[in-house]
Amino acid sequence: MDLSKKKSLVARTLGIGEGRVMFNTQRLDDIKEAITKQDIRDLVSDKAIFIREIKGRKVNTVRKRRRAGSIRMKPNNRKREYMIITRKSRAYISEMRKQSKITNEEFMKLRKEIRSKNFKSKAHLKEHIETMKKGKIKKSGELK
């Protein structure tokens, strides 16, 4: 007696795999007569059809693998800080040149110093320009 169609009907009705469906051998006639899904549900509740427990499997934990090549590092903000200070400083000295507060030679000298990271901030740059001006005034005063 082939009950494979009945097994697939039970599996579809209950939403389980066909391998988990077991029939009671003494009630095969009742199972054979079952046509509808409701008939199947009734047979399950009457213990004519059994449902096996899920076998399960040992869970293998996946080990974390390191990326081939370089190790991921936290990003450095050095470049961003350099860019911010440099752009701010360059804008400031170009404005000073437009207002003719510094000469082109001084501008180029300051620009090279900015490039070589001599100034920590715009305030530091202003201080340096002031000392440069004072030194220039003293020198010009001595020459007179």
N, C-alpha and C. Protein backbone atom coordinates (compact mmCIF):
# COMPACT_ATOMS: atom_id res chain seq x y z
N MET A 1 0.84 -1.17 0.00
CA MET A 1 0.00 0.00 0.00
C MET A 1 0.90 1.24 0.00
N ASP A 2 0.80 2.04 -1.08
CA ASP A 2 1.66 3.22 -1.23
C ASP A 2 0.93 4.44 -0.67
N LEU A 3 1.50 5.01 0.40
CA LEU A 3 0.89 6.18 1.04
C LEU A 3 1.76 7.43 0.90
N SER A 4 2.58 7.48 -0.15
CA SER A 4 3.48 8.63 -0.33
C SER A 4 2.69 9.91 -0.62
N LYS A 5 1.57 9.79 -1.35
CA LYS A 5 0.74 10.97 -1.63
C LYS A 5 0.13 11.51 -0.34
N LYS A 6 -0.28 10.57 0.54
CA LYS A 6 -0.85 10.97 1.82
C LYS A 6 0.21 11.67 2.69
N LYS A 7 1.44 11.15 2.61
CA LYS A 7 2.55 11.76 3.36
C LYS A 7 2.79 13.19 2.90
N SER A 8 2.78 13.41 1.59
CA SER A 8 2.99 14.75 1.06
C SER A 8 1.83 15.67 1.43
N LEU A 9 0.60 15.13 1.47
CA LEU A 9 -0.56 15.91 1.87
C LEU A 9 -0.43 16.35 3.34
N VAL A 10 -0.01 15.42 4.20
CA VAL A 10 0.19 15.74 5.61
C VAL A 10 1.28 16.81 5.76
N ALA A 11 2.37 16.65 5.02
CA ALA A 11 3.48 17.60 5.10
C ALA A 11 3.03 18.99 4.67
N ARG A 12 2.24 19.09 3.59
CA ARG A 12 1.74 20.38 3.13
C ARG A 12 0.75 20.99 4.11
N THR A 13 -0.09 20.13 4.68
CA THR A 13 -1.11 20.60 5.61
C THR A 13 -0.48 21.19 6.87
N LEU A 14 0.51 20.50 7.42
CA LEU A 14 1.10 20.89 8.69
C LEU A 14 2.35 21.76 8.54
N GLY A 15 2.82 21.91 7.32
CA GLY A 15 3.98 22.76 7.08
C GLY A 15 5.26 22.16 7.61
N ILE A 16 5.42 20.85 7.44
CA ILE A 16 6.63 20.15 7.91
C ILE A 16 7.20 19.34 6.76
N GLY A 17 8.35 18.72 6.98
CA GLY A 17 8.95 17.89 5.95
C GLY A 17 8.33 16.50 5.93
N GLU A 18 8.38 15.87 4.77
CA GLU A 18 7.80 14.53 4.63
C GLU A 18 8.51 13.50 5.49
N GLY A 19 9.78 13.72 5.76
CA GLY A 19 10.55 12.78 6.57
C GLY A 19 10.09 12.71 8.02
N ARG A 20 9.38 13.72 8.48
CA ARG A 20 8.91 13.74 9.87
C ARG A 20 7.55 13.06 10.05
N VAL A 21 6.88 12.72 8.95
CA VAL A 21 5.53 12.14 9.04
C VAL A 21 5.63 10.63 9.25
N MET A 22 4.90 10.13 10.28
CA MET A 22 4.82 8.68 10.56
C MET A 22 3.35 8.29 10.68
N PHE A 23 3.03 7.11 10.15
CA PHE A 23 1.65 6.63 10.23
C PHE A 23 1.56 5.51 11.26
N ASN A 24 0.41 5.47 11.94
CA ASN A 24 0.12 4.36 12.85
C ASN A 24 -0.30 3.18 11.98
N THR A 25 0.43 2.06 12.07
CA THR A 25 0.19 0.92 11.16
C THR A 25 -1.16 0.26 11.39
N GLN A 26 -1.73 0.40 12.58
CA GLN A 26 -3.03 -0.22 12.83
C GLN A 26 -4.18 0.61 12.25
N ARG A 27 -3.95 1.89 11.89
CA ARG A 27 -5.03 2.77 11.39
C ARG A 27 -4.79 3.19 9.94
N LEU A 28 -4.11 2.33 9.17
CA LEU A 28 -3.80 2.67 7.78
C LEU A 28 -5.06 2.84 6.93
N ASP A 29 -6.10 2.10 7.25
CA ASP A 29 -7.35 2.21 6.47
C ASP A 29 -7.96 3.60 6.62
N ASP A 30 -7.96 4.13 7.85
CA ASP A 30 -8.49 5.48 8.09
C ASP A 30 -7.66 6.52 7.34
N ILE A 31 -6.34 6.32 7.35
CA ILE A 31 -5.43 7.26 6.69
C ILE A 31 -5.66 7.24 5.18
N LYS A 32 -5.91 6.02 4.65
CA LYS A 32 -6.11 5.88 3.22
C LYS A 32 -7.39 6.60 2.76
N GLU A 33 -8.39 6.63 3.61
CA GLU A 33 -9.65 7.26 3.26
C GLU A 33 -9.62 8.78 3.40
N ALA A 34 -8.65 9.31 4.12
CA ALA A 34 -8.56 10.76 4.34
C ALA A 34 -8.24 11.47 3.02
N ILE A 35 -9.06 12.48 2.70
CA ILE A 35 -8.88 13.19 1.43
C ILE A 35 -8.56 14.66 1.68
N THR A 36 -9.29 15.28 2.59
CA THR A 36 -9.15 16.72 2.79
C THR A 36 -8.11 17.03 3.87
N LYS A 37 -7.74 18.29 3.92
CA LYS A 37 -6.79 18.74 4.95
C LYS A 37 -7.40 18.62 6.34
N GLN A 38 -8.70 18.84 6.43
CA GLN A 38 -9.37 18.72 7.73
C GLN A 38 -9.35 17.27 8.21
N ASP A 39 -9.48 16.32 7.28
CA ASP A 39 -9.40 14.89 7.64
C ASP A 39 -8.02 14.60 8.22
N ILE A 40 -6.99 15.17 7.62
CA ILE A 40 -5.61 14.97 8.07
C ILE A 40 -5.44 15.53 9.48
N ARG A 41 -5.97 16.74 9.70
CA ARG A 41 -5.87 17.36 11.03
C ARG A 41 -6.57 16.51 12.09
N ASP A 42 -7.70 15.96 11.74
CA ASP A 42 -8.44 15.11 12.67
C ASP A 42 -7.64 13.85 13.01
N LEU A 43 -7.00 13.26 12.00
CA LEU A 43 -6.19 12.05 12.23
C LEU A 43 -4.98 12.35 13.10
N VAL A 44 -4.39 13.54 12.93
CA VAL A 44 -3.26 13.93 13.77
C VAL A 44 -3.70 14.06 15.22
N SER A 45 -4.88 14.68 15.42
CA SER A 45 -5.37 14.85 16.79
C SER A 45 -5.79 13.51 17.41
N ASP A 46 -6.20 12.51 16.56
CA ASP A 46 -6.58 11.17 17.04
C ASP A 46 -5.38 10.25 17.18
N LYS A 47 -4.18 10.73 16.92
CA LYS A 47 -2.93 9.97 17.04
C LYS A 47 -2.81 8.85 16.00
N ALA A 48 -3.48 8.99 14.87
CA ALA A 48 -3.32 8.03 13.78
C ALA A 48 -2.09 8.42 12.96
N ILE A 49 -1.76 9.70 12.98
CA ILE A 49 -0.56 10.21 12.29
C ILE A 49 0.32 10.85 13.34
N PHE A 50 1.59 10.42 13.38
CA PHE A 50 2.56 10.99 14.33
C PHE A 50 3.50 11.94 13.59
N ILE A 51 4.05 12.85 14.33
CA ILE A 51 5.05 13.77 13.77
C ILE A 51 6.32 13.62 14.59
N ARG A 52 7.38 13.23 13.93
CA ARG A 52 8.66 13.05 14.61
C ARG A 52 9.23 14.39 15.04
N GLU A 53 10.06 14.36 16.07
CA GLU A 53 10.76 15.55 16.51
C GLU A 53 11.86 15.89 15.51
N ILE A 54 12.24 17.14 15.48
CA ILE A 54 13.34 17.55 14.61
C ILE A 54 14.63 17.00 15.18
N LYS A 55 15.41 16.34 14.32
CA LYS A 55 16.65 15.73 14.79
C LYS A 55 17.63 16.77 15.28
N GLY A 56 17.75 17.82 14.52
CA GLY A 56 18.70 18.87 14.91
C GLY A 56 20.11 18.51 14.52
N ARG A 57 20.98 19.43 14.72
CA ARG A 57 22.39 19.25 14.35
C ARG A 57 23.22 20.13 15.25
N LYS A 58 24.41 19.68 15.56
CA LYS A 58 25.31 20.49 16.38
C LYS A 58 25.65 21.76 15.60
N VAL A 59 25.54 22.90 16.28
CA VAL A 59 25.81 24.17 15.62
C VAL A 59 27.31 24.42 15.64
N ASN A 60 27.87 24.56 14.48
CA ASN A 60 29.29 24.89 14.39
C ASN A 60 29.45 26.39 14.39
N THR A 61 30.24 26.89 15.33
CA THR A 61 30.48 28.32 15.36
C THR A 61 31.56 28.65 14.35
N VAL A 62 31.32 29.66 13.55
CA VAL A 62 32.28 30.05 12.52
C VAL A 62 33.31 30.97 13.16
N ARG A 63 34.57 30.60 13.02
CA ARG A 63 35.63 31.43 13.57
C ARG A 63 35.81 32.66 12.71
N LYS A 64 36.15 33.75 13.36
CA LYS A 64 36.39 34.98 12.61
C LYS A 64 37.73 34.86 11.90
N ARG A 65 37.71 35.26 10.64
CA ARG A 65 38.95 35.18 9.87
C ARG A 65 39.50 36.57 9.67
N ARG A 66 40.80 36.68 9.69
CA ARG A 66 41.42 37.98 9.45
C ARG A 66 41.46 38.25 7.98
N ARG A 67 41.35 39.50 7.65
CA ARG A 67 41.41 39.88 6.25
C ARG A 67 42.83 39.67 5.75
N ALA A 68 42.94 39.15 4.54
CA ALA A 68 44.25 38.96 3.95
C ALA A 68 44.85 40.32 3.63
N GLY A 69 46.10 40.47 3.89
CA GLY A 69 46.74 41.74 3.57
C GLY A 69 46.84 42.61 4.80
N SER A 70 46.28 43.79 4.71
CA SER A 70 46.46 44.76 5.78
C SER A 70 45.41 44.58 6.87
N ILE A 71 45.76 45.03 8.04
CA ILE A 71 44.84 45.00 9.17
C ILE A 71 44.08 46.31 9.13
N ARG A 72 42.80 46.26 9.40
CA ARG A 72 42.02 47.50 9.40
C ARG A 72 42.41 48.34 10.60
N MET A 73 42.73 49.58 10.33
CA MET A 73 43.13 50.49 11.39
C MET A 73 42.07 51.58 11.51
N LYS A 74 42.04 52.23 12.65
CA LYS A 74 41.15 53.36 12.81
C LYS A 74 41.70 54.49 11.95
N PRO A 75 40.82 55.25 11.31
CA PRO A 75 41.32 56.30 10.42
C PRO A 75 42.01 57.42 11.17
N ASN A 76 43.09 57.91 10.58
CA ASN A 76 43.79 59.04 11.17
C ASN A 76 43.16 60.32 10.68
N ASN A 77 43.08 61.29 11.58
CA ASN A 77 42.50 62.57 11.19
C ASN A 77 43.58 63.59 10.87
N ARG A 78 44.83 63.14 10.79
CA ARG A 78 45.94 64.07 10.55
C ARG A 78 45.76 64.82 9.24
N LYS A 79 45.37 64.11 8.20
CA LYS A 79 45.24 64.76 6.90
C LYS A 79 44.14 65.81 6.95
N ARG A 80 42.99 65.44 7.54
CA ARG A 80 41.87 66.39 7.63
C ARG A 80 42.29 67.63 8.40
N GLU A 81 42.98 67.44 9.53
CA GLU A 81 43.43 68.58 10.33
C GLU A 81 44.39 69.45 9.53
N TYR A 82 45.32 68.82 8.81
CA TYR A 82 46.28 69.55 7.98
C TYR A 82 45.54 70.37 6.91
N MET A 83 44.56 69.73 6.27
CA MET A 83 43.81 70.42 5.22
C MET A 83 43.08 71.64 5.77
N ILE A 84 42.45 71.48 6.92
CA ILE A 84 41.68 72.58 7.51
C ILE A 84 42.60 73.75 7.83
N ILE A 85 43.71 73.47 8.53
CA ILE A 85 44.64 74.53 8.94
C ILE A 85 45.25 75.19 7.71
N THR A 86 45.65 74.39 6.73
CA THR A 86 46.30 74.91 5.53
C THR A 86 45.36 75.81 4.75
N ARG A 87 44.14 75.37 4.52
CA ARG A 87 43.20 76.17 3.75
C ARG A 87 42.88 77.49 4.45
N LYS A 88 42.69 77.40 5.77
CA LYS A 88 42.39 78.60 6.55
C LYS A 88 43.55 79.58 6.49
N SER A 89 44.76 79.06 6.65
CA SER A 89 45.95 79.92 6.66
C SER A 89 46.18 80.55 5.29
N ARG A 90 46.06 79.76 4.25
CA ARG A 90 46.28 80.27 2.89
C ARG A 90 45.26 81.35 2.54
N ALA A 91 44.01 81.13 2.94
CA ALA A 91 42.98 82.13 2.67
C ALA A 91 43.32 83.43 3.41
N TYR A 92 43.80 83.29 4.63
CA TYR A 92 44.14 84.46 5.45
C TYR A 92 45.29 85.25 4.83
N ILE A 93 46.37 84.57 4.43
CA ILE A 93 47.51 85.32 3.89
C ILE A 93 47.20 85.89 2.51
N SER A 94 46.35 85.21 1.73
CA SER A 94 45.98 85.78 0.42
C SER A 94 45.15 87.04 0.63
N GLU A 95 44.30 87.05 1.64
CA GLU A 95 43.52 88.25 1.96
C GLU A 95 44.45 89.37 2.42
N MET A 96 45.45 89.02 3.21
CA MET A 96 46.43 90.01 3.68
C MET A 96 47.17 90.62 2.49
N ARG A 97 47.51 89.79 1.51
CA ARG A 97 48.23 90.27 0.32
C ARG A 97 47.34 91.19 -0.50
N LYS A 98 46.04 90.82 -0.63
CA LYS A 98 45.11 91.68 -1.38
C LYS A 98 44.98 93.05 -0.74
N GLN A 99 45.00 93.07 0.59
CA GLN A 99 44.91 94.34 1.32
C GLN A 99 46.26 95.03 1.40
N SER A 100 47.26 94.43 0.77
CA SER A 100 48.66 94.91 0.73
C SER A 100 49.23 95.15 2.14
N LYS A 101 48.90 94.24 3.05
CA LYS A 101 49.50 94.27 4.39
C LYS A 101 50.80 93.49 4.42
N ILE A 102 50.94 92.55 3.46
CA ILE A 102 52.21 91.82 3.30
C ILE A 102 52.62 91.87 1.84
N THR A 103 53.92 91.76 1.59
CA THR A 103 54.42 91.81 0.22
C THR A 103 54.33 90.43 -0.42
N ASN A 104 54.59 90.37 -1.71
CA ASN A 104 54.57 89.09 -2.41
C ASN A 104 55.66 88.15 -1.91
N GLU A 105 56.83 88.71 -1.57
CA GLU A 105 57.93 87.88 -1.07
C GLU A 105 57.54 87.27 0.28
N GLU A 106 56.95 88.10 1.14
CA GLU A 106 56.50 87.59 2.45
C GLU A 106 55.40 86.56 2.27
N PHE A 107 54.53 86.82 1.32
CA PHE A 107 53.45 85.88 1.03
C PHE A 107 53.99 84.51 0.64
N MET A 108 54.96 84.50 -0.27
CA MET A 108 55.54 83.24 -0.73
C MET A 108 56.28 82.53 0.40
N LYS A 109 56.98 83.30 1.23
CA LYS A 109 57.70 82.73 2.36
C LYS A 109 56.71 82.09 3.35
N LEU A 110 55.62 82.81 3.65
CA LEU A 110 54.60 82.28 4.57
C LEU A 110 53.92 81.05 3.98
N ARG A 111 53.69 81.08 2.69
CA ARG A 111 53.04 79.94 2.04
C ARG A 111 53.89 78.68 2.16
N LYS A 112 55.21 78.84 2.00
CA LYS A 112 56.12 77.70 2.16
C LYS A 112 56.13 77.20 3.60
N GLU A 113 56.06 78.13 4.54
CA GLU A 113 56.02 77.74 5.95
C GLU A 113 54.73 77.02 6.30
N ILE A 114 53.63 77.47 5.71
CA ILE A 114 52.35 76.79 5.93
C ILE A 114 52.43 75.37 5.39
N ARG A 115 53.02 75.25 4.20
CA ARG A 115 53.17 73.94 3.56
C ARG A 115 53.96 72.98 4.42
N SER A 116 54.98 73.51 5.12
CA SER A 116 55.82 72.64 5.94
C SER A 116 55.31 72.52 7.38
N LYS A 117 54.05 72.88 7.61
CA LYS A 117 53.37 72.73 8.89
C LYS A 117 54.06 73.46 10.04
N ASN A 118 54.53 74.67 9.78
CA ASN A 118 55.17 75.45 10.84
C ASN A 118 54.17 76.09 11.78
N PHE A 119 52.91 76.20 11.35
CA PHE A 119 51.91 76.88 12.17
C PHE A 119 50.86 75.90 12.65
N LYS A 120 50.56 76.00 13.95
CA LYS A 120 49.57 75.09 14.53
C LYS A 120 48.15 75.57 14.26
N SER A 121 47.96 76.88 14.14
CA SER A 121 46.63 77.44 13.95
C SER A 121 46.73 78.79 13.26
N LYS A 122 45.58 79.37 12.98
CA LYS A 122 45.54 80.69 12.36
C LYS A 122 46.07 81.74 13.34
N ALA A 123 45.77 81.57 14.63
CA ALA A 123 46.27 82.50 15.65
C ALA A 123 47.80 82.48 15.69
N HIS A 124 48.37 81.30 15.57
CA HIS A 124 49.82 81.16 15.56
C HIS A 124 50.41 81.89 14.35
N LEU A 125 49.74 81.75 13.20
CA LEU A 125 50.17 82.43 11.98
C LEU A 125 50.11 83.95 12.16
N LYS A 126 49.01 84.45 12.74
CA LYS A 126 48.87 85.90 12.98
C LYS A 126 49.99 86.41 13.86
N GLU A 127 50.28 85.66 14.90
CA GLU A 127 51.35 86.03 15.84
C GLU A 127 52.68 86.12 15.10
N HIS A 128 52.94 85.16 14.26
CA HIS A 128 54.19 85.13 13.49
C HIS A 128 54.28 86.35 12.56
N ILE A 129 53.16 86.68 11.91
CA ILE A 129 53.14 87.84 10.99
C ILE A 129 53.42 89.12 11.77
N GLU A 130 52.82 89.25 12.96
CA GLU A 130 53.05 90.44 13.79
C GLU A 130 54.52 90.56 14.18
N THR A 131 55.12 89.45 14.59
CA THR A 131 56.55 89.49 14.96
C THR A 131 57.40 89.80 13.74
N MET A 132 56.98 89.31 12.58
CA MET A 132 57.70 89.61 11.34
C MET A 132 57.64 91.11 11.05
N LYS A 133 56.46 91.70 11.22
CA LYS A 133 56.28 93.13 10.99
C LYS A 133 57.11 93.96 11.98
N LYS A 134 57.09 93.57 13.25
CA LYS A 134 57.86 94.30 14.27
C LYS A 134 59.34 94.24 13.95
N GLY A 135 59.80 93.06 13.55
CA GLY A 135 61.21 92.91 13.19
C GLY A 135 61.57 93.77 12.00
N LYS A 136 60.67 93.87 11.03
CA LYS A 136 60.89 94.67 9.83
C LYS A 136 60.92 96.17 10.18
N ILE A 137 60.02 96.59 11.06
CA ILE A 137 59.98 97.99 11.47
C ILE A 137 61.26 98.36 12.21
N LYS A 138 61.71 97.47 13.09
CA LYS A 138 62.95 97.74 13.85
C LYS A 138 64.12 97.86 12.89
N LYS A 139 64.16 96.93 11.92
CA LYS A 139 65.28 96.97 10.96
C LYS A 139 65.25 98.25 10.14
N SER A 140 64.04 98.62 9.67
CA SER A 140 63.93 99.85 8.85
C SER A 140 64.24 101.07 9.72
N GLY A 141 63.89 101.01 11.03
CA GLY A 141 64.19 102.11 11.94
C GLY A 141 65.68 102.27 12.16
N GLU A 142 66.39 101.12 12.20
CA GLU A 142 67.83 101.15 12.39
C GLU A 142 68.52 101.73 11.14
N LEU A 143 67.95 101.41 9.98
CA LEU A 143 68.57 101.87 8.75
C LEU A 143 68.47 103.40 8.61
N LYS A 144 67.45 104.02 9.15
CA LYS A 144 67.25 105.46 9.00
C LYS A 144 68.18 106.26 9.81
